[in-house]
């Protein structure tokens, strides 16, 4: 809502508005604005942050102890269902650990023989 105020009245209103806030209220407002800015900055940082995954050996140990998958296709079907995915295990472990030079194959990752694991 915009209200046209003649220039003389505008200056008077501005002065009256400044008088409404004492020093303590201005300081509190400045603190709240800073808190909001810090909160916004933190949220932006978290949204941009990369996921932190377990090292290959720990991820492989977790996957093999689950006894849920015997091959790559079963793993991918499970991931596509979106069920109970572990936040510290990548959905594409082959891609993630290969870029790190740690990937040893689906058989090793799932704790099964190499021939079976690659299916």
Foldseek 3Di string as FASTA:
>chain_A
DDDDDPPVVVVVVVVVVVVVDDPVNVVVVVVVVVVVVVVVVVVVCVVPDDQAADPQVVQLVVLQVVPQDQAPVSLLVVVVVVPPDDSRHDSCNQVVVVVVVRDDAQCSSNVHDRVRHHD
